[in-house]
N, C-alpha and C. Protein backbone atom coordinates (compact mmCIF):
# COMPACT_ATOMS: atom_id res chain seq x y z
N UNK A 1 14.62 -44.55 60.54
CA UNK A 1 14.71 -44.44 59.23
C UNK A 1 13.29 -45.27 58.72
N UNK A 2 13.17 -46.36 59.29
CA UNK A 2 11.93 -47.15 58.92
C UNK A 2 10.62 -46.44 58.81
N UNK A 3 10.50 -45.59 59.66
CA UNK A 3 9.04 -44.95 59.67
C UNK A 3 9.03 -43.81 58.49
N UNK A 4 10.18 -43.02 58.17
CA UNK A 4 10.13 -42.18 57.02
C UNK A 4 10.04 -42.92 55.73
N UNK A 5 10.95 -44.16 55.67
CA UNK A 5 11.06 -44.89 54.48
C UNK A 5 9.40 -45.56 54.22
N UNK A 6 8.64 -45.72 55.16
CA UNK A 6 7.35 -46.37 54.90
C UNK A 6 6.44 -45.26 54.61
N UNK A 7 6.62 -44.02 55.09
CA UNK A 7 5.82 -42.88 54.74
C UNK A 7 6.07 -42.53 53.21
N UNK A 8 7.63 -42.64 52.78
CA UNK A 8 7.72 -42.19 51.28
C UNK A 8 7.21 -43.16 50.59
N UNK A 9 7.27 -44.55 50.92
CA UNK A 9 6.57 -45.54 50.15
C UNK A 9 5.10 -45.46 49.56
N UNK A 10 4.49 -45.04 50.90
CA UNK A 10 3.06 -45.00 50.94
C UNK A 10 2.75 -43.52 49.91
N UNK A 11 3.57 -42.52 50.04
CA UNK A 11 3.26 -41.31 49.15
C UNK A 11 3.51 -41.69 47.70
N UNK A 12 4.57 -42.45 47.54
CA UNK A 12 4.82 -42.80 46.12
C UNK A 12 3.73 -43.52 45.50
N UNK A 13 3.07 -44.57 46.23
CA UNK A 13 1.99 -45.23 45.71
C UNK A 13 0.81 -44.25 45.61
N UNK A 14 0.56 -43.46 46.42
CA UNK A 14 -0.62 -42.53 46.17
C UNK A 14 -0.56 -41.57 45.07
N UNK A 15 0.99 -41.33 44.77
CA UNK A 15 1.16 -40.29 43.74
C UNK A 15 0.98 -40.97 42.49
N UNK A 16 1.53 -42.14 42.40
CA UNK A 16 1.46 -42.99 41.20
C UNK A 16 -0.16 -43.23 40.83
N UNK A 17 -0.96 -43.54 41.87
CA UNK A 17 -2.46 -43.95 41.71
C UNK A 17 -3.04 -42.83 41.23
N UNK A 18 -2.80 -41.63 41.91
CA UNK A 18 -3.40 -40.42 41.37
C UNK A 18 -3.00 -39.76 39.72
N UNK A 19 -1.74 -40.11 39.49
CA UNK A 19 -1.11 -40.10 38.12
C UNK A 19 -1.96 -40.72 37.16
N UNK A 20 -2.16 -41.89 37.32
CA UNK A 20 -3.00 -42.91 36.58
C UNK A 20 -4.24 -42.51 36.51
N UNK A 21 -4.94 -42.11 37.69
CA UNK A 21 -6.14 -41.93 37.80
C UNK A 21 -6.35 -40.72 36.74
N UNK A 22 -5.56 -39.55 36.71
CA UNK A 22 -5.78 -38.44 35.98
C UNK A 22 -5.75 -38.80 34.67
N UNK A 23 -4.82 -39.71 33.98
CA UNK A 23 -4.63 -40.01 32.84
C UNK A 23 -5.71 -40.99 32.42
N UNK A 24 -6.13 -41.63 33.08
CA UNK A 24 -7.33 -42.59 32.81
C UNK A 24 -8.74 -42.18 32.64
N UNK A 25 -8.71 -41.05 33.41
CA UNK A 25 -10.12 -40.26 33.82
C UNK A 25 -10.47 -39.74 32.43
N UNK A 26 -9.47 -39.13 31.81
CA UNK A 26 -10.05 -38.21 30.57
C UNK A 26 -10.61 -39.24 29.49
N UNK A 27 -9.87 -40.50 29.18
CA UNK A 27 -10.61 -41.07 28.23
C UNK A 27 -11.92 -41.84 28.85
N UNK A 28 -11.89 -42.00 30.08
CA UNK A 28 -13.13 -42.57 30.55
C UNK A 28 -14.38 -41.56 30.53
N UNK A 29 -14.18 -40.26 30.61
CA UNK A 29 -15.19 -39.21 30.41
C UNK A 29 -15.80 -39.18 28.81
N UNK A 30 -14.70 -39.27 28.13
CA UNK A 30 -14.97 -39.40 26.72
C UNK A 30 -15.84 -40.69 26.08
N UNK A 31 -15.26 -41.85 26.54
CA UNK A 31 -15.98 -43.13 26.17
C UNK A 31 -17.38 -43.28 26.98
N UNK A 32 -17.50 -42.68 27.94
CA UNK A 32 -18.64 -42.73 28.99
C UNK A 32 -19.68 -41.78 27.98
N UNK A 33 -19.37 -40.69 27.79
CA UNK A 33 -20.28 -39.82 27.35
C UNK A 33 -20.58 -40.16 25.97
N UNK A 34 -19.67 -40.69 25.07
CA UNK A 34 -20.15 -40.89 23.74
C UNK A 34 -20.77 -42.56 23.58
N UNK A 35 -20.50 -43.30 24.43
CA UNK A 35 -21.28 -44.51 24.65
C UNK A 35 -22.23 -44.62 25.35
N UNK A 36 -22.68 -43.59 26.06
CA UNK A 36 -23.93 -43.78 26.83
C UNK A 36 -23.91 -44.08 28.31
N UNK A 37 -22.56 -44.27 28.64
CA UNK A 37 -22.30 -45.03 30.04
C UNK A 37 -22.15 -43.99 31.07
N UNK A 38 -23.10 -43.50 31.43
CA UNK A 38 -23.09 -42.31 32.47
C UNK A 38 -22.24 -42.72 33.57
N UNK A 39 -22.34 -44.14 34.15
CA UNK A 39 -21.44 -44.45 35.10
C UNK A 39 -19.90 -44.30 35.00
N UNK A 40 -19.53 -44.73 33.63
CA UNK A 40 -18.06 -44.44 33.41
C UNK A 40 -17.69 -43.14 33.18
N UNK A 41 -18.64 -42.30 32.78
CA UNK A 41 -18.33 -40.71 32.72
C UNK A 41 -18.27 -40.12 34.14
N UNK A 42 -19.09 -40.72 34.85
CA UNK A 42 -18.77 -39.99 36.45
C UNK A 42 -17.65 -40.79 37.00
N UNK A 43 -17.38 -41.80 36.83
CA UNK A 43 -15.90 -42.56 37.35
C UNK A 43 -14.73 -41.57 36.76
N UNK A 44 -14.94 -41.35 35.27
CA UNK A 44 -13.78 -40.51 34.71
C UNK A 44 -13.62 -39.34 35.32
N UNK A 45 -14.74 -38.58 35.58
CA UNK A 45 -14.81 -37.19 36.09
C UNK A 45 -14.13 -37.30 37.43
N UNK A 46 -14.57 -38.03 38.36
CA UNK A 46 -14.06 -38.20 39.66
C UNK A 46 -12.39 -38.37 39.61
N UNK A 47 -12.04 -39.32 38.94
CA UNK A 47 -10.83 -39.77 38.45
C UNK A 47 -9.87 -38.46 37.98
N UNK A 48 -10.35 -37.93 37.26
CA UNK A 48 -9.76 -36.64 36.58
C UNK A 48 -9.54 -35.58 37.83
N UNK A 49 -10.72 -35.47 38.42
CA UNK A 49 -10.48 -34.21 39.50
C UNK A 49 -9.70 -34.83 40.52
N UNK A 50 -9.70 -35.87 40.66
CA UNK A 50 -8.87 -36.34 42.02
C UNK A 50 -7.37 -36.28 41.50
N UNK A 51 -7.21 -36.73 40.37
CA UNK A 51 -5.81 -36.48 39.79
C UNK A 51 -5.21 -35.29 39.62
N UNK A 52 -6.04 -34.54 39.13
CA UNK A 52 -5.77 -33.16 38.87
C UNK A 52 -5.35 -32.38 39.80
N UNK A 53 -6.11 -32.36 40.91
CA UNK A 53 -5.91 -31.84 42.45
C UNK A 53 -4.76 -32.43 43.20
N UNK A 54 -5.17 -33.71 43.26
CA UNK A 54 -4.35 -34.65 44.14
C UNK A 54 -2.91 -34.81 43.83
N UNK A 55 -2.74 -35.26 42.55
CA UNK A 55 -1.29 -35.51 41.99
C UNK A 55 -0.28 -34.59 42.38
N UNK A 56 -0.35 -33.15 41.97
CA UNK A 56 0.73 -32.57 42.15
C UNK A 56 1.14 -32.27 43.89
N UNK A 57 -0.06 -32.27 44.51
CA UNK A 57 0.15 -32.27 45.92
C UNK A 57 0.95 -33.55 46.56
N UNK A 58 0.37 -34.45 46.22
CA UNK A 58 1.09 -35.76 46.67
C UNK A 58 2.72 -35.86 45.99
N UNK A 59 2.76 -35.50 44.85
CA UNK A 59 4.53 -35.67 44.31
C UNK A 59 5.10 -34.67 45.21
N UNK A 60 4.65 -33.38 45.53
CA UNK A 60 5.14 -32.42 46.30
C UNK A 60 5.48 -32.93 47.76
N UNK A 61 4.67 -33.49 48.22
CA UNK A 61 4.72 -34.30 49.35
C UNK A 61 5.87 -35.34 49.49
N UNK A 62 5.88 -36.08 48.44
CA UNK A 62 6.66 -37.28 48.35
C UNK A 62 8.22 -36.65 48.21
N UNK A 63 8.46 -35.55 47.48
CA UNK A 63 9.60 -34.83 47.33
C UNK A 63 10.19 -34.34 48.58
N UNK A 64 9.34 -33.81 49.16
CA UNK A 64 9.59 -33.27 50.64
C UNK A 64 10.08 -34.18 51.64
N UNK A 65 9.60 -35.37 51.51
CA UNK A 65 9.78 -36.57 52.42
C UNK A 65 11.09 -37.09 52.06
N UNK A 66 11.39 -37.25 50.81
CA UNK A 66 12.71 -37.62 50.15
C UNK A 66 13.64 -36.64 50.98
N UNK A 67 13.64 -35.32 50.75
CA UNK A 67 14.45 -34.40 51.27
C UNK A 67 14.59 -34.66 52.88
N UNK A 68 13.51 -34.46 53.64
CA UNK A 68 13.62 -35.06 54.89
C UNK A 68 14.32 -36.32 55.28
N UNK A 69 14.12 -37.32 54.54
CA UNK A 69 14.82 -38.53 54.76
C UNK A 69 16.43 -38.28 54.57
N UNK A 70 16.79 -37.59 53.82
CA UNK A 70 18.16 -37.30 53.54
C UNK A 70 18.93 -36.60 54.73
N UNK A 71 18.05 -35.67 55.25
CA UNK A 71 18.43 -35.19 56.50
C UNK A 71 18.59 -36.17 57.45
N UNK A 72 17.51 -36.94 57.77
CA UNK A 72 17.56 -37.98 58.91
C UNK A 72 18.72 -39.02 58.54
N UNK A 73 19.09 -39.15 57.30
CA UNK A 73 20.28 -40.25 57.19
C UNK A 73 21.51 -39.44 57.33
N UNK A 74 21.62 -38.26 56.93
CA UNK A 74 22.86 -37.41 57.71
C UNK A 74 23.10 -37.49 59.10
N UNK A 75 21.88 -37.09 59.77
CA UNK A 75 22.16 -37.27 61.02
C UNK A 75 22.44 -38.50 61.94
N UNK A 76 21.54 -39.56 61.50
CA UNK A 76 21.48 -41.00 62.22
C UNK A 76 22.71 -41.70 61.55
N UNK A 77 22.76 -41.82 60.11
CA UNK A 77 23.59 -42.75 60.06
C UNK A 77 25.08 -41.94 59.56
N UNK A 78 25.12 -40.87 59.31
CA UNK A 78 26.56 -40.17 58.95
C UNK A 78 27.03 -39.58 60.11
N UNK A 79 26.03 -39.44 61.27
CA UNK A 79 26.32 -38.90 62.61
C UNK A 79 26.94 -37.23 62.42
N UNK A 80 26.03 -36.61 61.67
CA UNK A 80 26.58 -35.16 61.55
C UNK A 80 25.27 -34.34 62.23
N UNK A 81 25.84 -33.93 63.30
CA UNK A 81 24.58 -33.23 64.54
C UNK A 81 25.00 -31.87 64.40
N UNK A 82 25.80 -31.16 63.95
CA UNK A 82 26.08 -29.71 63.70
C UNK A 82 25.28 -28.96 62.78
N UNK A 83 24.36 -28.21 63.05
CA UNK A 83 23.34 -27.53 62.50
C UNK A 83 23.94 -26.75 61.38
N UNK A 84 25.20 -25.93 61.33
CA UNK A 84 25.65 -25.34 60.20
C UNK A 84 26.21 -26.51 59.41
N UNK A 85 26.63 -27.49 59.76
CA UNK A 85 27.02 -28.46 58.69
C UNK A 85 26.26 -29.06 57.93
N UNK A 86 25.13 -29.26 58.59
CA UNK A 86 23.84 -29.97 58.08
C UNK A 86 23.25 -29.01 56.98
N UNK A 87 23.23 -27.56 57.28
CA UNK A 87 22.65 -26.58 56.24
C UNK A 87 23.57 -26.54 55.15
N UNK A 88 24.79 -26.63 55.23
CA UNK A 88 25.96 -26.67 54.01
C UNK A 88 25.61 -27.91 53.13
N UNK A 89 25.54 -28.84 53.74
CA UNK A 89 25.47 -30.35 53.10
C UNK A 89 24.14 -30.33 52.43
N UNK A 90 23.03 -29.71 53.04
CA UNK A 90 21.70 -30.06 52.09
C UNK A 90 21.26 -28.46 51.55
N UNK A 91 22.19 -27.65 51.49
CA UNK A 91 22.15 -26.49 50.69
C UNK A 91 20.74 -25.78 51.04
N UNK A 92 20.75 -25.42 52.45
CA UNK A 92 19.39 -24.81 53.19
C UNK A 92 20.24 -23.91 54.00
N UNK A 93 19.48 -22.66 54.46
CA UNK A 93 19.89 -21.89 55.43
C UNK A 93 19.86 -22.51 56.75
N UNK A 94 20.45 -21.97 57.96
CA UNK A 94 20.44 -22.54 59.20
C UNK A 94 18.99 -22.49 59.74
N UNK A 95 18.08 -21.11 59.50
CA UNK A 95 16.88 -21.27 60.23
C UNK A 95 16.15 -22.19 59.45
N UNK A 96 16.17 -22.53 58.09
CA UNK A 96 15.31 -23.45 57.28
C UNK A 96 15.61 -24.92 57.73
N UNK A 97 16.80 -25.28 57.93
CA UNK A 97 17.22 -26.61 58.37
C UNK A 97 17.01 -26.92 59.95
N UNK A 98 17.02 -25.74 60.60
CA UNK A 98 16.60 -25.90 62.27
C UNK A 98 14.96 -25.92 62.13
N UNK A 99 14.34 -25.60 61.33
CA UNK A 99 12.75 -25.75 61.37
C UNK A 99 12.48 -27.20 60.97
N UNK A 100 13.24 -27.60 59.80
CA UNK A 100 13.09 -28.91 59.31
C UNK A 100 13.38 -30.01 60.34
N UNK A 101 14.59 -29.94 61.01
CA UNK A 101 14.80 -30.83 61.99
C UNK A 101 13.98 -30.74 63.33
N UNK A 102 13.16 -29.62 63.62
CA UNK A 102 12.42 -29.62 64.58
C UNK A 102 11.00 -30.35 64.06
N UNK A 103 10.56 -30.09 62.75
CA UNK A 103 9.65 -31.00 62.28
C UNK A 103 9.79 -32.45 62.46
N UNK A 104 11.00 -33.07 61.90
CA UNK A 104 11.29 -34.06 61.99
C UNK A 104 11.39 -34.83 63.42
N UNK A 105 11.79 -34.10 64.42
CA UNK A 105 11.71 -34.29 65.77
C UNK A 105 10.18 -34.59 66.03
N UNK A 106 9.35 -33.66 65.92
CA UNK A 106 8.11 -33.80 66.14
C UNK A 106 7.26 -34.71 65.60
N UNK A 107 7.65 -35.12 64.47
CA UNK A 107 6.98 -36.33 63.60
C UNK A 107 7.53 -37.76 64.03
N UNK A 108 8.72 -37.55 64.89
CA UNK A 108 9.18 -38.86 65.58
C UNK A 108 9.98 -39.61 64.64
N UNK A 109 10.61 -38.86 63.59
CA UNK A 109 11.77 -39.38 62.67
C UNK A 109 13.07 -39.36 63.33
N UNK A 110 13.11 -38.53 64.28
CA UNK A 110 14.42 -38.45 65.30
C UNK A 110 14.06 -38.59 66.56
N UNK A 111 13.94 -39.89 67.03
CA UNK A 111 13.26 -40.21 68.32
C UNK A 111 14.62 -39.80 69.48
N UNK A 112 14.09 -39.18 70.46
CA UNK A 112 14.85 -38.95 71.72
C UNK A 112 15.81 -37.73 71.37
N UNK A 113 15.76 -37.00 70.46
CA UNK A 113 16.70 -35.94 69.90
C UNK A 113 16.08 -34.58 70.16
N UNK A 114 16.88 -33.58 70.38
CA UNK A 114 16.52 -32.29 70.42
C UNK A 114 17.59 -31.49 70.04
N UNK A 115 17.17 -30.24 69.78
CA UNK A 115 18.23 -29.21 69.46
C UNK A 115 18.65 -28.60 70.61
N UNK A 116 19.88 -28.48 70.72
CA UNK A 116 20.57 -27.76 71.95
C UNK A 116 21.63 -26.55 71.34
N UNK A 117 21.13 -25.45 71.28
CA UNK A 117 22.03 -24.58 70.65
C UNK A 117 22.27 -24.94 69.10
N UNK A 118 23.45 -25.13 68.61
CA UNK A 118 23.80 -25.63 67.41
C UNK A 118 23.91 -26.88 66.99
N UNK A 119 23.56 -27.70 68.01
CA UNK A 119 23.68 -29.22 67.83
C UNK A 119 22.50 -30.03 68.17
N UNK A 120 22.40 -31.08 67.76
CA UNK A 120 21.38 -32.07 67.89
C UNK A 120 22.01 -33.09 68.73
N UNK A 121 21.20 -33.33 69.80
CA UNK A 121 21.69 -34.22 70.89
C UNK A 121 20.66 -35.13 71.05
N UNK A 122 21.37 -36.11 71.49
CA UNK A 122 20.14 -37.38 71.84
C UNK A 122 20.52 -38.68 70.62
N UNK A 123 21.36 -38.19 69.85
CA UNK A 123 21.72 -39.11 68.55
C UNK A 123 22.65 -40.46 69.58
N UNK A 124 22.07 -41.60 69.03
CA UNK A 124 22.80 -42.77 69.44
C UNK A 124 24.10 -42.89 68.58
N UNK A 125 25.18 -42.90 69.27
CA UNK A 125 26.49 -42.99 68.42
C UNK A 125 26.49 -44.42 67.96
N UNK A 126 27.14 -44.37 66.63
CA UNK A 126 27.55 -45.84 66.03
C UNK A 126 28.69 -46.04 66.31
N UNK A 127 29.25 -47.42 66.09
CA UNK A 127 30.59 -47.88 66.49
C UNK A 127 31.43 -47.13 65.44
N UNK A 128 32.75 -46.95 65.70
CA UNK A 128 33.78 -46.16 65.08
C UNK A 128 33.60 -46.93 63.57
N UNK A 129 33.38 -46.02 62.32
CA UNK A 129 33.42 -46.38 60.97
C UNK A 129 34.86 -46.49 60.71
N UNK A 130 35.23 -47.96 59.88
CA UNK A 130 36.31 -48.11 59.47
C UNK A 130 36.55 -47.35 58.07
N UNK A 131 37.73 -47.07 57.69
CA UNK A 131 38.05 -46.36 56.16
C UNK A 131 37.83 -47.28 54.99
N UNK A 132 37.92 -48.64 55.24
CA UNK A 132 37.86 -49.32 54.22
C UNK A 132 36.31 -50.00 54.00
N UNK A 133 36.17 -50.61 52.92
CA UNK A 133 34.66 -51.11 52.42
C UNK A 133 34.77 -52.40 52.48
N UNK A 134 33.59 -52.94 52.54
CA UNK A 134 33.49 -54.53 52.41
C UNK A 134 33.82 -55.01 50.92
N UNK A 135 34.61 -56.14 50.88
CA UNK A 135 34.93 -56.69 49.56
C UNK A 135 33.69 -57.24 49.06
N UNK A 136 32.63 -57.55 49.69
CA UNK A 136 31.60 -58.53 49.18
C UNK A 136 30.60 -57.39 48.40
N UNK A 137 30.22 -56.48 49.09
CA UNK A 137 29.34 -55.59 48.63
C UNK A 137 29.58 -54.04 48.42
N UNK A 138 30.72 -53.61 48.97
CA UNK A 138 31.29 -52.32 48.90
C UNK A 138 30.67 -51.14 49.88
N UNK A 139 29.80 -51.90 50.71
CA UNK A 139 29.55 -50.89 51.86
C UNK A 139 30.53 -50.70 52.95
N UNK A 140 30.62 -49.43 53.70
CA UNK A 140 31.33 -49.22 54.81
C UNK A 140 31.23 -50.33 55.89
N UNK A 141 32.50 -50.56 56.48
CA UNK A 141 32.68 -51.47 57.62
C UNK A 141 32.51 -50.78 58.99
N UNK A 142 32.13 -51.33 59.88
CA UNK A 142 31.97 -50.70 61.38
C UNK A 142 33.08 -51.75 62.00
N UNK A 143 33.48 -51.14 63.18
CA UNK A 143 34.63 -52.16 63.81
C UNK A 143 33.51 -52.38 65.23
N UNK A 144 33.36 -53.59 65.53
CA UNK A 144 33.06 -53.99 66.78
C UNK A 144 33.57 -55.25 67.41
N UNK A 145 33.83 -54.98 68.41
CA UNK A 145 34.57 -56.25 69.27
C UNK A 145 35.99 -56.60 68.53
N UNK A 146 36.56 -55.67 68.13
CA UNK A 146 37.90 -56.01 67.30
C UNK A 146 37.48 -56.72 66.09
N UNK A 147 36.36 -56.70 65.30
CA UNK A 147 36.24 -57.25 64.14
C UNK A 147 35.46 -56.04 63.44
N UNK A 148 35.83 -56.16 62.09
CA UNK A 148 35.13 -55.45 60.91
C UNK A 148 34.05 -56.09 60.58
N UNK A 149 32.78 -55.29 60.44
CA UNK A 149 31.46 -56.16 60.30
C UNK A 149 30.77 -55.07 59.23
N UNK A 150 30.37 -55.72 58.14
CA UNK A 150 29.61 -54.99 57.32
C UNK A 150 28.01 -54.90 57.71
N UNK A 151 27.56 -53.73 57.71
CA UNK A 151 26.08 -53.52 58.25
C UNK A 151 25.14 -54.08 57.16
N UNK A 152 25.57 -54.14 55.90
CA UNK A 152 24.54 -54.54 55.04
C UNK A 152 24.57 -56.14 54.81
N UNK A 153 25.65 -56.55 54.35
CA UNK A 153 25.44 -58.30 54.12
C UNK A 153 26.20 -58.99 55.41
N UNK A 154 26.28 -58.35 56.60
CA UNK A 154 26.75 -58.99 57.74
C UNK A 154 28.14 -59.82 57.66
N UNK A 155 29.00 -59.66 56.83
CA UNK A 155 30.26 -60.24 56.60
C UNK A 155 31.04 -59.85 57.70
N UNK A 156 31.74 -60.65 58.26
CA UNK A 156 32.77 -60.33 59.11
C UNK A 156 34.42 -60.47 59.01
N UNK A 157 35.29 -59.69 59.39
CA UNK A 157 36.60 -59.63 58.95
C UNK A 157 37.45 -59.40 60.19
N UNK A 158 38.45 -60.05 60.31
CA UNK A 158 39.27 -59.37 61.46
C UNK A 158 40.10 -58.26 61.34
N UNK A 159 40.15 -57.56 62.28
CA UNK A 159 40.59 -56.17 62.34
C UNK A 159 42.18 -56.25 62.02
């Protein structure tokens, strides 16, 4: 999850920079041209062109990576390994979700996993998830060594 979260953060920053460049580039062109500052006009043209072409692409890539992270989260954290179930949860067809899972495996977001028939194998199984939630933060508790432990705030409770 860390690798895909890092990728999403960098795409968000890039998308934001390109959005600002597009918006700031237009007045830079105007002020550069009317004020006789050719350097400002050139910077404005470059920023506008980069924003105009790069901004939509980067935002689409950002959204795609968010969708991929949701699939990774379903597989790794929620332990859903059946492809039909994943397709239903993420509102995608089985061939599309299979292709996306193959891409996630190839990118290294699902390390040690492979698709075998209609299942994803190689997922490290988590401890049994308790049905109750942490009273401190509301996150699900897991059972380890006969104790309930919150994965997020590390609070421990007797089972």
